[in-house]
């Protein structure tokens, strides 16, 4: 069943009427509803296009967090063959929030990292809502080291509100683990690409998003802190999250203009959560283009490309 956001109410009302007509037709075969259903469907499509054409930063934040939006596991299932997940950081234990392993993309061996939020109460709890502990980032470092040793490109799917801020995580060195993961991302001799598929929150995102090429889905967000947390700190009022989202410049369009990301993957009207297949096709094309562009680069060229990319951020504003 489709889950609607608050600002999608006009579409929800129209689609509810369509469902009501279809239900009526099932009980009374003599009733002809085709013409009316087509008319309402066209109105709903037009309303959806108009709504998504002018989303505010706060509305984009809501879309980025939509529970039916494709998650890490959906991208792996659609894009990666021979997927072999690996577990554990060889120091403390396994972290289910940050998934990592090896597989093939269009026949090419790749290492894949990403946060998994889960899509049900059970899986959300299992994956800690995509908020990784230190062992998750140490596992990411382990996988990246293996990929570097065997000259395998690295793909990251970023979707987290941030690293887990619990006491245990801090005691086990959360900040150090994030820093090590960021460092490893920067020093890789193999090409790496990061795609922000939902939320890119704080250091928890940067730890696996420091890549040769950083892409964002059109309605994803990428920020140093969540709008709610930022509003609590700056305005002493979490209710001002909408204002904070606008001030932070967290949308893909803003970040492309600042040079923080390299490209935007378009989403159809209605968002990625309504069009899983289309988003998978667009993501596949982006990944294929990335691997082609970096296929002939040496380890030194790949490393220097990444270095220059991040040094250039903020210099041309």
C-alpha atoms as a PDB file:
ATOM      1  CA  UNK A   1       0.000   0.000   0.000  1.00  0.00           C
ATOM      2  CA  UNK A   2       1.286   3.449  -0.943  1.00  0.00           C
ATOM      3  CA  UNK A   3       2.246   5.632   2.012  1.00  0.00           C
ATOM      4  CA  UNK A   4       1.599   9.352   1.468  1.00  0.00           C
ATOM      5  CA  UNK A   5       3.490  12.318   2.861  1.00  0.00           C
ATOM      6  CA  UNK A   6       1.571  15.304   4.261  1.00  0.00           C
ATOM      7  CA  UNK A   7       2.124  17.484   1.214  1.00  0.00           C
ATOM      8  CA  UNK A   8       0.872  14.709  -1.078  1.00  0.00           C
ATOM      9  CA  UNK A   9      -2.698  14.970   0.246  1.00  0.00           C
ATOM     10  CA  UNK A  10      -4.215  16.164  -3.086  1.00  0.00           C
ATOM     11  CA  UNK A  11      -2.804  13.061  -4.782  1.00  0.00           C
ATOM     12  CA  UNK A  12      -3.907  10.836  -1.916  1.00  0.00           C
ATOM     13  CA  UNK A  13      -7.488  12.135  -2.191  1.00  0.00           C
ATOM     14  CA  UNK A  14      -7.630  11.531  -5.943  1.00  0.00           C
ATOM     15  CA  UNK A  15      -6.172   8.039  -5.703  1.00  0.00           C
ATOM     16  CA  UNK A  16      -8.586   7.214  -2.871  1.00  0.00           C
ATOM     17  CA  UNK A  17     -11.475   8.148  -5.174  1.00  0.00           C
ATOM     18  CA  UNK A  18     -10.023   5.920  -7.902  1.00  0.00           C
ATOM     19  CA  UNK A  19      -9.775   3.000  -5.465  1.00  0.00           C
ATOM     20  CA  UNK A  20     -13.366   3.638  -4.344  1.00  0.00           C
ATOM     21  CA  UNK A  21     -14.622   3.570  -7.945  1.00  0.00           C
ATOM     22  CA  UNK A  22     -12.765   0.340  -8.682  1.00  0.00           C
ATOM     23  CA  UNK A  23     -14.234  -1.238  -5.565  1.00  0.00           C
ATOM     24  CA  UNK A  24     -17.729  -0.140  -6.643  1.00  0.00           C
ATOM     25  CA  UNK A  25     -17.220  -1.650 -10.093  1.00  0.00           C
ATOM     26  CA  UNK A  26     -16.317  -5.002  -8.554  1.00  0.00           C
ATOM     27  CA  UNK A  27     -19.625  -5.135  -6.692  1.00  0.00           C
ATOM     28  CA  UNK A  28     -21.741  -3.831  -9.594  1.00  0.00           C
ATOM     29  CA  UNK A  29     -20.570  -4.975 -13.017  1.00  0.00           C
ATOM     30  CA  UNK A  30     -23.136  -2.727 -14.717  1.00  0.00           C
ATOM     31  CA  UNK A  31     -21.318   0.409 -13.580  1.00  0.00           C
ATOM     32  CA  UNK A  32     -18.881   1.822 -16.161  1.00  0.00           C
ATOM     33  CA  UNK A  33     -15.982   3.572 -14.477  1.00  0.00           C
ATOM     34  CA  UNK A  34     -13.269   3.601 -17.136  1.00  0.00           C
ATOM     35  CA  UNK A  35     -13.804   7.176 -18.270  1.00  0.00           C
ATOM     36  CA  UNK A  36     -13.936   8.587 -14.748  1.00  0.00           C
ATOM     37  CA  UNK A  37     -10.932   6.536 -13.589  1.00  0.00           C
ATOM     38  CA  UNK A  38      -8.882   7.759 -16.551  1.00  0.00           C
ATOM     39  CA  UNK A  39      -9.856  11.346 -15.822  1.00  0.00           C
ATOM     40  CA  UNK A  40      -8.956  11.080 -12.127  1.00  0.00           C
ATOM     41  CA  UNK A  41      -5.706   9.245 -12.919  1.00  0.00           C
ATOM     42  CA  UNK A  42      -4.669  12.040 -15.268  1.00  0.00           C
ATOM     43  CA  UNK A  43      -5.456  14.626 -12.580  1.00  0.00           C
ATOM     44  CA  UNK A  44      -3.477  12.659 -10.000  1.00  0.00           C
ATOM     45  CA  UNK A  45      -0.470  12.429 -12.333  1.00  0.00           C
ATOM     46  CA  UNK A  46      -0.623  16.170 -13.026  1.00  0.00           C
ATOM     47  CA  UNK A  47      -0.882  16.942  -9.315  1.00  0.00           C
ATOM     48  CA  UNK A  48       2.102  14.712  -8.553  1.00  0.00           C
ATOM     49  CA  UNK A  49       4.240  16.395 -11.206  1.00  0.00           C
ATOM     50  CA  UNK A  50       3.293  19.857  -9.955  1.00  0.00           C
ATOM     51  CA  UNK A  51       4.008  18.970  -6.304  1.00  0.00           C
ATOM     52  CA  UNK A  52       7.411  17.401  -7.006  1.00  0.00           C
ATOM     53  CA  UNK A  53       8.389  20.214  -9.374  1.00  0.00           C
ATOM     54  CA  UNK A  54       8.617  22.683  -6.472  1.00  0.00           C
ATOM     55  CA  UNK A  55       9.555  20.679  -3.371  1.00  0.00           C
ATOM     56  CA  UNK A  56      11.051  22.684  -0.521  1.00  0.00           C
ATOM     57  CA  UNK A  57      14.245  21.474   1.224  1.00  0.00           C
ATOM     58  CA  UNK A  58      12.132  20.207   4.133  1.00  0.00           C
ATOM     59  CA  UNK A  59       9.808  18.318   1.805  1.00  0.00           C
ATOM     60  CA  UNK A  60      12.849  16.779   0.095  1.00  0.00           C
ATOM     61  CA  UNK A  61      14.014  15.696   3.547  1.00  0.00           C
ATOM     62  CA  UNK A  62      10.715  13.902   4.046  1.00  0.00           C
ATOM     63  CA  UNK A  63      10.989  12.238   0.633  1.00  0.00           C
ATOM     64  CA  UNK A  64      14.578  11.168   1.381  1.00  0.00           C
ATOM     65  CA  UNK A  65      13.322   9.478   4.557  1.00  0.00           C
ATOM     66  CA  UNK A  66      10.273   7.830   2.984  1.00  0.00           C
ATOM     67  CA  UNK A  67      10.005   4.267   4.351  1.00  0.00           C
ATOM     68  CA  UNK A  68       9.200   2.845   0.905  1.00  0.00           C
ATOM     69  CA  UNK A  69      12.254   4.410  -0.724  1.00  0.00           C
ATOM     70  CA  UNK A  70      14.707   1.808  -2.130  1.00  0.00           C
ATOM     71  CA  UNK A  71      17.305   0.779   0.443  1.00  0.00           C
ATOM     72  CA  UNK A  72      20.786  -0.694   0.183  1.00  0.00           C
ATOM     73  CA  UNK A  73      19.445  -4.246  -0.072  1.00  0.00           C
ATOM     74  CA  UNK A  74      17.207  -3.242  -3.006  1.00  0.00           C
ATOM     75  CA  UNK A  75      20.156  -1.803  -4.946  1.00  0.00           C
ATOM     76  CA  UNK A  76      22.289  -4.873  -4.295  1.00  0.00           C
ATOM     77  CA  UNK A  77      19.474  -7.204  -5.313  1.00  0.00           C
ATOM     78  CA  UNK A  78      18.861  -5.280  -8.549  1.00  0.00           C
ATOM     79  CA  UNK A  79      22.384  -4.301  -9.596  1.00  0.00           C
ATOM     80  CA  UNK A  80      24.855  -6.780  -8.097  1.00  0.00           C
ATOM     81  CA  UNK A  81      25.228 -10.436  -9.039  1.00  0.00           C
ATOM     82  CA  UNK A  82      27.131 -13.124  -7.125  1.00  0.00           C
ATOM     83  CA  UNK A  83      26.708 -10.976  -4.009  1.00  0.00           C
ATOM     84  CA  UNK A  84      28.782 -12.284  -1.096  1.00  0.00           C
ATOM     85  CA  UNK A  85      28.325 -10.272   2.120  1.00  0.00           C
ATOM     86  CA  UNK A  86      31.141 -10.347   4.663  1.00  0.00           C
ATOM     87  CA  UNK A  87      30.719  -9.853   8.402  1.00  0.00           C
ATOM     88  CA  UNK A  88      32.759  -8.619  11.317  1.00  0.00           C
ATOM     89  CA  UNK A  89      35.583  -6.146  11.855  1.00  0.00           C
ATOM     90  CA  UNK A  90      38.006  -8.758  13.273  1.00  0.00           C
ATOM     91  CA  UNK A  91      38.245  -6.649  16.428  1.00  0.00           C
ATOM     92  CA  UNK A  92      34.891  -6.578  18.225  1.00  0.00           C
ATOM     93  CA  UNK A  93      31.993  -7.993  16.262  1.00  0.00           C
ATOM     94  CA  UNK A  94      29.471  -7.604  13.475  1.00  0.00           C
ATOM     95  CA  UNK A  95      27.459  -4.453  12.784  1.00  0.00           C
ATOM     96  CA  UNK A  96      24.268  -4.991  10.789  1.00  0.00           C
ATOM     97  CA  UNK A  97      23.725  -1.308   9.994  1.00  0.00           C
ATOM     98  CA  UNK A  98      26.667  -1.110   7.606  1.00  0.00           C
ATOM     99  CA  UNK A  99      26.628  -3.885   5.033  1.00  0.00           C
ATOM    100  CA  UNK A 100      29.713  -4.803   3.002  1.00  0.00           C
ATOM    101  CA  UNK A 101      30.864  -7.472   0.622  1.00  0.00           C
ATOM    102  CA  UNK A 102      31.854  -8.380  -2.923  1.00  0.00           C
ATOM    103  CA  UNK A 103      29.961  -9.143  -6.098  1.00  0.00           C
ATOM    104  CA  UNK A 104      29.810  -8.303  -9.780  1.00  0.00           C
ATOM    105  CA  UNK A 105      28.318  -5.290 -11.543  1.00  0.00           C
ATOM    106  CA  UNK A 106      27.723  -5.994 -15.244  1.00  0.00           C
ATOM    107  CA  UNK A 107      30.285  -8.772 -14.881  1.00  0.00           C
ATOM    108  CA  UNK A 108      32.964  -6.564 -13.279  1.00  0.00           C
ATOM    109  CA  UNK A 109      34.125  -7.517  -9.752  1.00  0.00           C
ATOM    110  CA  UNK A 110      33.240  -4.772  -7.259  1.00  0.00           C
ATOM    111  CA  UNK A 111      33.317  -4.188  -3.515  1.00  0.00           C
ATOM    112  CA  UNK A 112      30.046  -2.772  -2.192  1.00  0.00           C
ATOM    113  CA  UNK A 113      29.412  -0.846   1.037  1.00  0.00           C
ATOM    114  CA  UNK A 114      26.284   0.791   2.365  1.00  0.00           C
ATOM    115  CA  UNK A 115      23.976   1.492   5.250  1.00  0.00           C
ATOM    116  CA  UNK A 116      20.808  -0.584   5.431  1.00  0.00           C
ATOM    117  CA  UNK A 117      17.848   0.998   7.257  1.00  0.00           C
ATOM    118  CA  UNK A 118      15.448  -1.922   7.002  1.00  0.00           C
ATOM    119  CA  UNK A 119      11.870  -1.891   5.722  1.00  0.00           C
ATOM    120  CA  UNK A 120       9.875  -3.348   8.611  1.00  0.00           C
ATOM    121  CA  UNK A 121       9.907  -3.009  12.384  1.00  0.00           C
ATOM    122  CA  UNK A 122      11.929  -6.210  12.712  1.00  0.00           C
ATOM    123  CA  UNK A 123      14.535  -5.306  10.090  1.00  0.00           C
ATOM    124  CA  UNK A 124      14.802  -1.685  11.237  1.00  0.00           C
ATOM    125  CA  UNK A 125      15.687  -2.874  14.713  1.00  0.00           C
ATOM    126  CA  UNK A 126      18.081  -5.473  13.315  1.00  0.00           C
ATOM    127  CA  UNK A 127      19.912  -2.841  11.237  1.00  0.00           C
ATOM    128  CA  UNK A 128      19.658  -0.144  13.927  1.00  0.00           C
ATOM    129  CA  UNK A 129      17.867   2.168  11.479  1.00  0.00           C
ATOM    130  CA  UNK A 130      21.046   2.427   9.395  1.00  0.00           C
ATOM    131  CA  UNK A 131      23.118   3.973  12.208  1.00  0.00           C
ATOM    132  CA  UNK A 132      26.420   2.123  12.299  1.00  0.00           C
ATOM    133  CA  UNK A 133      28.587   1.370  15.330  1.00  0.00           C
ATOM    134  CA  UNK A 134      32.421   1.610  15.199  1.00  0.00           C
ATOM    135  CA  UNK A 135      32.692  -2.029  14.152  1.00  0.00           C
ATOM    136  CA  UNK A 136      30.644  -1.193  11.047  1.00  0.00           C
ATOM    137  CA  UNK A 137      33.192   1.379   9.912  1.00  0.00           C
ATOM    138  CA  UNK A 138      36.084  -0.924  10.804  1.00  0.00           C
ATOM    139  CA  UNK A 139      34.426  -3.595   8.679  1.00  0.00           C
ATOM    140  CA  UNK A 140      34.229  -1.047   5.841  1.00  0.00           C
ATOM    141  CA  UNK A 141      37.969  -0.402   6.201  1.00  0.00           C
ATOM    142  CA  UNK A 142      38.629  -4.151   6.060  1.00  0.00           C
ATOM    143  CA  UNK A 143      36.638  -4.514   2.848  1.00  0.00           C
ATOM    144  CA  UNK A 144      38.272  -1.462   1.261  1.00  0.00           C
ATOM    145  CA  UNK A 145      41.733  -2.825   2.098  1.00  0.00           C
ATOM    146  CA  UNK A 146      40.841  -6.119   0.417  1.00  0.00           C
ATOM    147  CA  UNK A 147      39.459  -4.303  -2.622  1.00  0.00           C
ATOM    148  CA  UNK A 148      42.616  -2.191  -2.875  1.00  0.00           C
ATOM    149  CA  UNK A 149      44.866  -5.237  -2.620  1.00  0.00           C
ATOM    150  CA  UNK A 150      43.088  -7.005  -5.470  1.00  0.00           C
ATOM    151  CA  UNK A 151      42.418  -3.886  -7.623  1.00  0.00           C
ATOM    152  CA  UNK A 152      38.643  -4.026  -7.263  1.00  0.00           C
ATOM    153  CA  UNK A 153      36.571  -0.790  -7.560  1.00  0.00           C
ATOM    154  CA  UNK A 154      34.489   0.248  -4.554  1.00  0.00           C
ATOM    155  CA  UNK A 155      30.816   1.278  -4.674  1.00  0.00           C
ATOM    156  CA  UNK A 156      29.131   2.911  -1.678  1.00  0.00           C
ATOM    157  CA  UNK A 157      25.386   3.400  -1.195  1.00  0.00           C
ATOM    158  CA  UNK A 158      24.911   6.031   1.505  1.00  0.00           C
ATOM    159  CA  UNK A 159      21.689   6.164   3.519  1.00  0.00           C
ATOM    160  CA  UNK A 160      21.999   7.091   7.181  1.00  0.00           C
ATOM    161  CA  UNK A 161      20.891   9.815   9.550  1.00  0.00           C
ATOM    162  CA  UNK A 162      24.351   9.493  11.095  1.00  0.00           C
ATOM    163  CA  UNK A 163      26.598   7.137  13.018  1.00  0.00           C
ATOM    164  CA  UNK A 164      25.097   5.601  16.157  1.00  0.00           C
ATOM    165  CA  UNK A 165      25.633   8.046  19.079  1.00  0.00           C
ATOM    166  CA  UNK A 166      25.216   5.544  21.924  1.00  0.00           C
ATOM    167  CA  UNK A 167      27.543   5.331  24.924  1.00  0.00           C
ATOM    168  CA  UNK A 168      28.869   1.923  23.879  1.00  0.00           C
ATOM    169  CA  UNK A 169      29.709   3.203  20.413  1.00  0.00           C
ATOM    170  CA  UNK A 170      31.622   6.149  21.869  1.00  0.00           C
ATOM    171  CA  UNK A 171      33.451   3.881  24.305  1.00  0.00           C
ATOM    172  CA  UNK A 172      34.568   1.662  21.416  1.00  0.00           C
ATOM    173  CA  UNK A 173      35.989   4.632  19.489  1.00  0.00           C
ATOM    174  CA  UNK A 174      33.261   5.858  17.143  1.00  0.00           C
ATOM    175  CA  UNK A 175      35.098   9.030  16.092  1.00  0.00           C
ATOM    176  CA  UNK A 176      38.354   7.158  15.452  1.00  0.00           C
ATOM    177  CA  UNK A 177      36.576   4.482  13.410  1.00  0.00           C
ATOM    178  CA  UNK A 178      34.878   7.104  11.219  1.00  0.00           C
ATOM    179  CA  UNK A 179      38.189   8.923  10.736  1.00  0.00           C
ATOM    180  CA  UNK A 180      39.964   5.691   9.744  1.00  0.00           C
ATOM    181  CA  UNK A 181      37.244   4.851   7.245  1.00  0.00           C
ATOM    182  CA  UNK A 182      37.424   8.343   5.728  1.00  0.00           C
ATOM    183  CA  UNK A 183      41.212   8.085   5.562  1.00  0.00           C
ATOM    184  CA  UNK A 184      41.054   4.706   3.848  1.00  0.00           C
ATOM    185  CA  UNK A 185      38.532   6.042   1.318  1.00  0.00           C
ATOM    186  CA  UNK A 186      40.918   8.870   0.449  1.00  0.00           C
ATOM    187  CA  UNK A 187      44.033   6.734   0.055  1.00  0.00           C
ATOM    188  CA  UNK A 188      42.561   3.973  -2.121  1.00  0.00           C
ATOM    189  CA  UNK A 189      44.472   3.278  -5.310  1.00  0.00           C
ATOM    190  CA  UNK A 190      41.310   1.840  -6.898  1.00  0.00           C
ATOM    191  CA  UNK A 191      38.420   4.060  -8.031  1.00  0.00           C
ATOM    192  CA  UNK A 192      35.496   4.506  -5.689  1.00  0.00           C
ATOM    193  CA  UNK A 193      32.044   6.005  -6.183  1.00  0.00           C
ATOM    194  CA  UNK A 194      29.468   7.002  -3.567  1.00  0.00           C
ATOM    195  CA  UNK A 195      25.760   7.464  -4.232  1.00  0.00           C
ATOM    196  CA  UNK A 196      23.589   9.240  -1.657  1.00  0.00           C
ATOM    197  CA  UNK A 197      20.338   7.295  -2.063  1.00  0.00           C
ATOM    198  CA  UNK A 198      18.406   8.773   0.867  1.00  0.00           C
ATOM    199  CA  UNK A 199      19.961  10.563   3.810  1.00  0.00           C
ATOM    200  CA  UNK A 200      23.644  11.411   3.923  1.00  0.00           C
ATOM    201  CA  UNK A 201      24.040  12.352   7.549  1.00  0.00           C
ATOM    202  CA  UNK A 202      27.178  13.730   9.185  1.00  0.00           C
ATOM    203  CA  UNK A 203      30.443  11.778   9.553  1.00  0.00           C
ATOM    204  CA  UNK A 204      28.497   8.544   9.401  1.00  0.00           C
ATOM    205  CA  UNK A 205      27.932   9.251   5.712  1.00  0.00           C
ATOM    206  CA  UNK A 206      31.285  10.866   4.919  1.00  0.00           C
ATOM    207  CA  UNK A 207      33.110   7.774   6.219  1.00  0.00           C
ATOM    208  CA  UNK A 208      32.110   5.859   3.067  1.00  0.00           C
ATOM    209  CA  UNK A 209      31.265   8.799   0.769  1.00  0.00           C
ATOM    210  CA  UNK A 210      34.763  10.237   0.319  1.00  0.00           C
ATOM    211  CA  UNK A 211      35.028   9.046  -3.260  1.00  0.00           C
ATOM    212  CA  UNK A 212      36.339   9.867  -6.722  1.00  0.00           C
ATOM    213  CA  UNK A 213      32.782  10.529  -7.761  1.00  0.00           C
ATOM    214  CA  UNK A 214      29.899  11.453  -5.444  1.00  0.00           C
ATOM    215  CA  UNK A 215      26.365  11.324  -6.828  1.00  0.00           C
ATOM    216  CA  UNK A 216      23.002  12.063  -5.237  1.00  0.00           C
ATOM    217  CA  UNK A 217      19.510  11.012  -6.111  1.00  0.00           C
ATOM    218  CA  UNK A 218      17.445  14.088  -6.933  1.00  0.00           C
ATOM    219  CA  UNK A 219      15.442  14.035  -3.703  1.00  0.00           C
ATOM    220  CA  UNK A 220      18.212  12.834  -1.389  1.00  0.00           C
ATOM    221  CA  UNK A 221      19.815  15.069   1.247  1.00  0.00           C
ATOM    222  CA  UNK A 222      23.429  15.401   2.436  1.00  0.00           C
ATOM    223  CA  UNK A 223      24.320  17.400   5.532  1.00  0.00           C
ATOM    224  CA  UNK A 224      26.646  17.758   8.484  1.00  0.00           C
ATOM    225  CA  UNK A 225      23.705  17.469  10.897  1.00  0.00           C
ATOM    226  CA  UNK A 226      20.002  16.706  10.649  1.00  0.00           C
ATOM    227  CA  UNK A 227      17.640  19.703  10.355  1.00  0.00           C
ATOM    228  CA  UNK A 228      16.017  18.791  13.669  1.00  0.00           C
ATOM    229  CA  UNK A 229      19.323  18.591  15.547  1.00  0.00           C
ATOM    230  CA  UNK A 230      20.610  21.741  13.885  1.00  0.00           C
ATOM    231  CA  UNK A 231      17.452  23.650  14.840  1.00  0.00           C
ATOM    232  CA  UNK A 232      17.760  22.443  18.434  1.00  0.00           C
ATOM    233  CA  UNK A 233      21.324  23.781  18.631  1.00  0.00           C
ATOM    234  CA  UNK A 234      20.988  27.055  16.731  1.00  0.00           C
ATOM    235  CA  UNK A 235      17.370  28.026  17.421  1.00  0.00           C
ATOM    236  CA  UNK A 236      16.850  26.096  20.670  1.00  0.00           C
ATOM    237  CA  UNK A 237      13.718  24.775  18.972  1.00  0.00           C
ATOM    238  CA  UNK A 238      13.515  21.505  17.007  1.00  0.00           C
ATOM    239  CA  UNK A 239      10.194  22.704  15.558  1.00  0.00           C
ATOM    240  CA  UNK A 240      12.172  25.079  13.348  1.00  0.00           C
ATOM    241  CA  UNK A 241      13.610  22.161  11.390  1.00  0.00           C
ATOM    242  CA  UNK A 242      11.980  23.465   8.208  1.00  0.00           C
ATOM    243  CA  UNK A 243      13.889  26.744   8.468  1.00  0.00           C
ATOM    244  CA  UNK A 244      17.062  24.844   9.262  1.00  0.00           C
ATOM    245  CA  UNK A 245      16.694  22.585   6.233  1.00  0.00           C
ATOM    246  CA  UNK A 246      16.501  25.641   3.986  1.00  0.00           C
ATOM    247  CA  UNK A 247      19.462  27.379   5.640  1.00  0.00           C
ATOM    248  CA  UNK A 248      21.681  24.282   5.507  1.00  0.00           C
ATOM    249  CA  UNK A 249      21.588  23.918   1.698  1.00  0.00           C
ATOM    250  CA  UNK A 250      21.232  20.142   1.955  1.00  0.00           C
ATOM    251  CA  UNK A 251      19.567  19.366  -1.371  1.00  0.00           C
ATOM    252  CA  UNK A 252      21.273  17.760  -4.346  1.00  0.00           C
ATOM    253  CA  UNK A 253      20.777  20.931  -6.389  1.00  0.00           C
ATOM    254  CA  UNK A 254      22.485  23.111  -3.763  1.00  0.00           C
ATOM    255  CA  UNK A 255      25.393  20.712  -3.294  1.00  0.00           C
ATOM    256  CA  UNK A 256      25.977  20.330  -7.022  1.00  0.00           C
ATOM    257  CA  UNK A 257      26.271  24.106  -7.245  1.00  0.00           C
ATOM    258  CA  UNK A 258      28.830  24.139  -4.416  1.00  0.00           C
ATOM    259  CA  UNK A 259      30.876  21.375  -6.032  1.00  0.00           C
ATOM    260  CA  UNK A 260      30.353  19.003  -3.097  1.00  0.00           C
ATOM    261  CA  UNK A 261      28.825  16.375  -5.396  1.00  0.00           C
ATOM    262  CA  UNK A 262      29.536  15.603  -9.048  1.00  0.00           C
ATOM    263  CA  UNK A 263      26.122  14.799 -10.516  1.00  0.00           C
ATOM    264  CA  UNK A 264      22.448  14.232  -9.755  1.00  0.00           C
ATOM    265  CA  UNK A 265      20.540  11.067 -10.634  1.00  0.00           C
ATOM    266  CA  UNK A 266      17.030  12.251 -11.645  1.00  0.00           C
ATOM    267  CA  UNK A 267      13.967  10.840  -9.932  1.00  0.00           C
ATOM    268  CA  UNK A 268      10.588  10.560 -11.695  1.00  0.00           C
ATOM    269  CA  UNK A 269       7.716  12.653 -10.376  1.00  0.00           C
ATOM    270  CA  UNK A 270       6.576  11.064  -7.143  1.00  0.00           C
ATOM    271  CA  UNK A 271      10.060  10.115  -5.993  1.00  0.00           C
ATOM    272  CA  UNK A 272      12.171   6.981  -6.008  1.00  0.00           C
ATOM    273  CA  UNK A 273       9.750   5.213  -3.657  1.00  0.00           C
ATOM    274  CA  UNK A 274       7.147   5.116  -6.450  1.00  0.00           C
ATOM    275  CA  UNK A 275       9.540   4.117  -9.227  1.00  0.00           C
ATOM    276  CA  UNK A 276      12.028   1.496  -8.009  1.00  0.00           C
ATOM    277  CA  UNK A 277      12.658   0.077 -11.469  1.00  0.00           C
ATOM    278  CA  UNK A 278      13.367   3.457 -13.062  1.00  0.00           C
ATOM    279  CA  UNK A 279      15.811   4.416 -10.309  1.00  0.00           C
ATOM    280  CA  UNK A 280      17.648   1.121 -10.658  1.00  0.00           C
ATOM    281  CA  UNK A 281      18.037   1.687 -14.403  1.00  0.00           C
ATOM    282  CA  UNK A 282      19.372   5.227 -13.849  1.00  0.00           C
ATOM    283  CA  UNK A 283      21.763   4.062 -11.145  1.00  0.00           C
ATOM    284  CA  UNK A 284      23.012   1.220 -13.330  1.00  0.00           C
ATOM    285  CA  UNK A 285      23.792   3.707 -16.112  1.00  0.00           C
ATOM    286  CA  UNK A 286      25.651   6.014 -13.699  1.00  0.00           C
ATOM    287  CA  UNK A 287      27.758   3.168 -12.308  1.00  0.00           C
ATOM    288  CA  UNK A 288      28.578   1.864 -15.774  1.00  0.00           C
ATOM    289  CA  UNK A 289      29.715   5.345 -16.869  1.00  0.00           C
ATOM    290  CA  UNK A 290      31.898   5.680 -13.769  1.00  0.00           C
ATOM    291  CA  UNK A 291      33.664   2.349 -14.298  1.00  0.00           C
ATOM    292  CA  UNK A 292      34.250   3.192 -17.952  1.00  0.00           C
ATOM    293  CA  UNK A 293      35.693   6.628 -17.120  1.00  0.00           C
ATOM    294  CA  UNK A 294      38.163   5.246 -14.574  1.00  0.00           C
ATOM    295  CA  UNK A 295      39.061   1.988 -16.305  1.00  0.00           C
ATOM    296  CA  UNK A 296      42.327   3.284 -17.741  1.00  0.00           C
ATOM    297  CA  UNK A 297      43.564   5.329 -14.770  1.00  0.00           C
ATOM    298  CA  UNK A 298      46.621   4.242 -12.798  1.00  0.00           C
ATOM    299  CA  UNK A 299      46.587   3.974  -9.014  1.00  0.00           C
ATOM    300  CA  UNK A 300      48.433   7.281  -8.745  1.00  0.00           C
ATOM    301  CA  UNK A 301      46.042   9.031 -11.136  1.00  0.00           C
ATOM    302  CA  UNK A 302      43.040   7.681  -9.261  1.00  0.00           C
ATOM    303  CA  UNK A 303      44.414   8.844  -5.924  1.00  0.00           C
ATOM    304  CA  UNK A 304      45.374  12.268  -7.281  1.00  0.00           C
ATOM    305  CA  UNK A 305      41.953  12.719  -8.886  1.00  0.00           C
ATOM    306  CA  UNK A 306      40.280  12.140  -5.531  1.00  0.00           C
ATOM    307  CA  UNK A 307      42.719  14.421  -3.722  1.00  0.00           C
ATOM    308  CA  UNK A 308      42.233  17.299  -6.155  1.00  0.00           C
ATOM    309  CA  UNK A 309      38.470  16.857  -6.096  1.00  0.00           C
ATOM    310  CA  UNK A 310      38.221  17.371  -2.348  1.00  0.00           C
ATOM    311  CA  UNK A 311      40.841  20.108  -2.183  1.00  0.00           C
ATOM    312  CA  UNK A 312      38.830  22.074  -4.750  1.00  0.00           C
ATOM    313  CA  UNK A 313      35.633  22.111  -2.674  1.00  0.00           C
ATOM    314  CA  UNK A 314      34.932  25.635  -1.464  1.00  0.00           C
ATOM    315  CA  UNK A 315      37.665  27.323  -3.486  1.00  0.00           C
ATOM    316  CA  UNK A 316      35.451  28.673  -6.279  1.00  0.00           C
ATOM    317  CA  UNK A 317      32.499  30.048  -4.319  1.00  0.00           C
END
